[in-house]
Amino acid sequence: MVPDDSAEHRRLDDLRQQLDRREAALHQREETVAERERLVLIREHLLDEQVIAADAREVRANEREHAQTSRERDLNRRESAGRVPEDPIGGMEDAFAREVARLDRSNAFLDRSRAAVERAQARLDSLRQHRENGEA
């Protein structure tokens, strides 16, 4: 029996075509993965910039709060230096106003702290998602 050369050629051609299709599909997947990695790097860079900007805002806010607290402490020391205020009611109103300002700053500090925690959690979630997608 002589093998059929045309059947063998067809089989080899079919295998080559199948291999070419698989190579093209693999190349497309590699391009898709490379594009996703590029986008992830861009996203991470933007997130890093947002974190840096948020940290800078928080530092400035903390500096303002520290300066205001120092001014209030100086005012309190001056008031409690032993002199009798001319207007005790006015002094009480000023003390209450300072206390309200302190509470407002404390609330603002808590809001900034919550925002920082939320940013950190979002960053952590993003990194976890990226890691899970990379492992999948």
Protein backbone atom coordinates (compact mmCIF):
# COMPACT_ATOMS: atom_id res chain seq x y z
CA MET A 1 0.00 0.00 0.00
CA VAL A 2 1.27 3.39 -1.00
CA PRO A 3 0.30 6.23 1.33
CA ASP A 4 -1.88 8.89 -0.21
CA ASP A 5 0.39 11.94 -0.51
CA SER A 6 -2.49 14.33 -1.13
CA ALA A 7 -4.28 13.23 2.05
CA GLU A 8 -1.06 13.64 4.02
CA HIS A 9 -0.56 17.12 2.49
CA ARG A 10 -4.11 18.11 3.41
CA ARG A 11 -3.60 16.88 6.94
CA LEU A 12 -0.32 18.81 7.25
CA ASP A 13 -1.92 21.93 5.75
CA ASP A 14 -4.79 21.66 8.22
CA LEU A 15 -2.31 21.33 11.08
CA ARG A 16 -0.31 24.35 9.82
CA GLN A 17 -3.49 26.42 9.53
CA GLN A 18 -4.55 25.37 13.01
CA LEU A 19 -1.09 26.29 14.32
CA ASP A 20 -1.25 29.67 12.55
CA ARG A 21 -4.66 30.39 14.11
CA ARG A 22 -3.36 29.47 17.55
CA GLU A 23 -0.28 31.66 17.10
CA ALA A 24 -2.47 34.59 16.01
CA ALA A 25 -4.76 34.07 19.01
CA LEU A 26 -1.75 33.87 21.33
CA HIS A 27 -0.30 37.06 19.85
CA GLN A 28 -3.65 38.83 20.35
CA ARG A 29 -3.79 37.68 23.98
CA GLU A 30 -0.24 38.88 24.58
CA GLU A 31 -1.13 42.30 23.15
CA THR A 32 -4.25 42.43 25.33
CA VAL A 33 -2.24 41.54 28.45
CA ALA A 34 0.41 44.14 27.60
CA GLU A 35 -2.28 46.81 27.13
CA ARG A 36 -3.92 45.89 30.43
CA GLU A 37 -0.58 46.08 32.22
CA ARG A 38 0.04 49.51 30.68
CA LEU A 39 -3.38 50.71 31.86
CA VAL A 40 -2.78 49.30 35.34
CA LEU A 41 0.52 51.19 35.54
CA ILE A 42 -1.23 54.40 34.49
CA ARG A 43 -3.98 53.82 37.05
CA GLU A 44 -1.44 53.13 39.79
CA HIS A 45 0.50 56.28 38.87
CA LEU A 46 -2.69 58.35 39.05
CA LEU A 47 -3.61 56.77 42.38
CA ASP A 48 -0.13 57.55 43.71
CA GLU A 49 -0.50 61.18 42.62
CA GLN A 50 -3.90 61.38 44.30
CA VAL A 51 -2.48 59.94 47.51
CA ILE A 52 0.42 62.41 47.43
CA ALA A 53 -1.95 65.34 46.86
CA ALA A 54 -4.29 64.15 49.63
CA ASP A 55 -1.37 63.72 52.02
CA ALA A 56 -0.16 67.24 51.21
CA ARG A 57 -3.65 68.64 51.86
CA GLU A 58 -3.78 66.76 55.14
CA VAL A 59 -0.37 68.08 56.21
CA ARG A 60 -1.44 71.65 55.44
CA ALA A 61 -4.70 71.17 57.35
CA ASN A 62 -2.84 69.71 60.33
CA GLU A 63 -0.42 72.65 60.29
CA ARG A 64 -3.33 75.10 60.27
CA GLU A 65 -4.97 73.22 63.12
CA HIS A 66 -1.75 73.21 65.13
CA ALA A 67 -1.28 76.96 64.62
CA GLN A 68 -4.88 77.68 65.62
CA THR A 69 -4.60 75.47 68.70
CA SER A 70 -1.41 77.26 69.73
CA ARG A 71 -3.11 80.64 69.36
CA GLU A 72 -6.04 79.45 71.46
CA ARG A 73 -3.72 78.14 74.17
CA ASP A 74 -1.96 81.50 74.26
CA LEU A 75 -5.32 83.25 74.61
CA ASN A 76 -6.35 80.87 77.39
CA ARG A 77 -3.06 81.47 79.24
CA ARG A 78 -3.48 85.22 78.98
CA GLU A 79 -7.04 85.01 80.28
CA SER A 80 -6.10 82.77 83.16
CA ALA A 81 -3.08 84.88 84.13
CA GLY A 82 -4.93 86.03 87.22
CA ARG A 83 -6.49 89.21 85.98
CA VAL A 84 -10.21 89.68 86.36
CA PRO A 85 -11.88 90.16 82.99
CA GLU A 86 -13.77 93.38 82.52
CA ASP A 87 -16.70 91.57 80.96
CA PRO A 88 -17.08 88.06 82.44
CA ILE A 89 -20.00 87.23 80.12
CA GLY A 90 -17.99 88.31 77.09
CA GLY A 91 -15.09 86.19 78.31
CA MET A 92 -17.40 83.19 78.61
CA GLU A 93 -18.77 83.81 75.14
CA ASP A 94 -15.22 83.98 73.79
CA ALA A 95 -14.33 80.76 75.59
CA PHE A 96 -17.40 79.03 74.15
CA ALA A 97 -16.58 80.34 70.68
CA ARG A 98 -13.05 78.96 70.99
CA GLU A 99 -14.40 75.63 72.18
CA VAL A 100 -16.80 75.48 69.23
CA ALA A 101 -13.90 76.27 66.89
CA ARG A 102 -11.88 73.48 68.52
CA LEU A 103 -14.74 71.04 68.05
CA ASP A 104 -15.12 72.11 64.42
CA ARG A 105 -11.43 71.49 63.84
CA SER A 106 -11.66 68.14 65.59
CA ASN A 107 -14.55 67.17 63.32
CA ALA A 108 -12.57 68.32 60.28
CA PHE A 109 -9.61 66.26 61.48
CA LEU A 110 -11.83 63.20 61.88
CA ASP A 111 -13.25 63.76 58.39
CA ARG A 112 -9.74 63.98 56.95
CA SER A 113 -8.74 60.85 58.85
CA ARG A 114 -11.77 58.97 57.53
CA ALA A 115 -10.99 60.13 53.99
CA ALA A 116 -7.38 58.97 54.39
CA VAL A 117 -8.55 55.56 55.60
CA GLU A 118 -11.00 55.30 52.70
CA ARG A 119 -8.25 56.21 50.23
CA ALA A 120 -5.94 53.63 51.76
CA GLN A 121 -8.69 51.00 51.64
CA ALA A 122 -9.45 51.82 48.00
CA ARG A 123 -5.75 51.53 47.17
CA LEU A 124 -5.53 48.21 48.98
CA ASP A 125 -8.62 46.92 47.18
CA SER A 126 -7.16 48.04 43.85
CA LEU A 127 -3.88 46.25 44.54
CA ARG A 128 -5.70 43.10 45.64
CA GLN A 129 -7.86 43.16 42.52
CA HIS A 130 -4.80 43.62 40.32
CA ARG A 131 -3.04 40.75 42.09
CA GLU A 132 -6.08 38.49 41.73
CA ASN A 133 -6.45 39.38 38.05
CA GLY A 134 -2.76 38.70 37.53
CA GLU A 135 -3.03 35.29 39.16
CA ALA A 136 -6.20 34.35 37.30
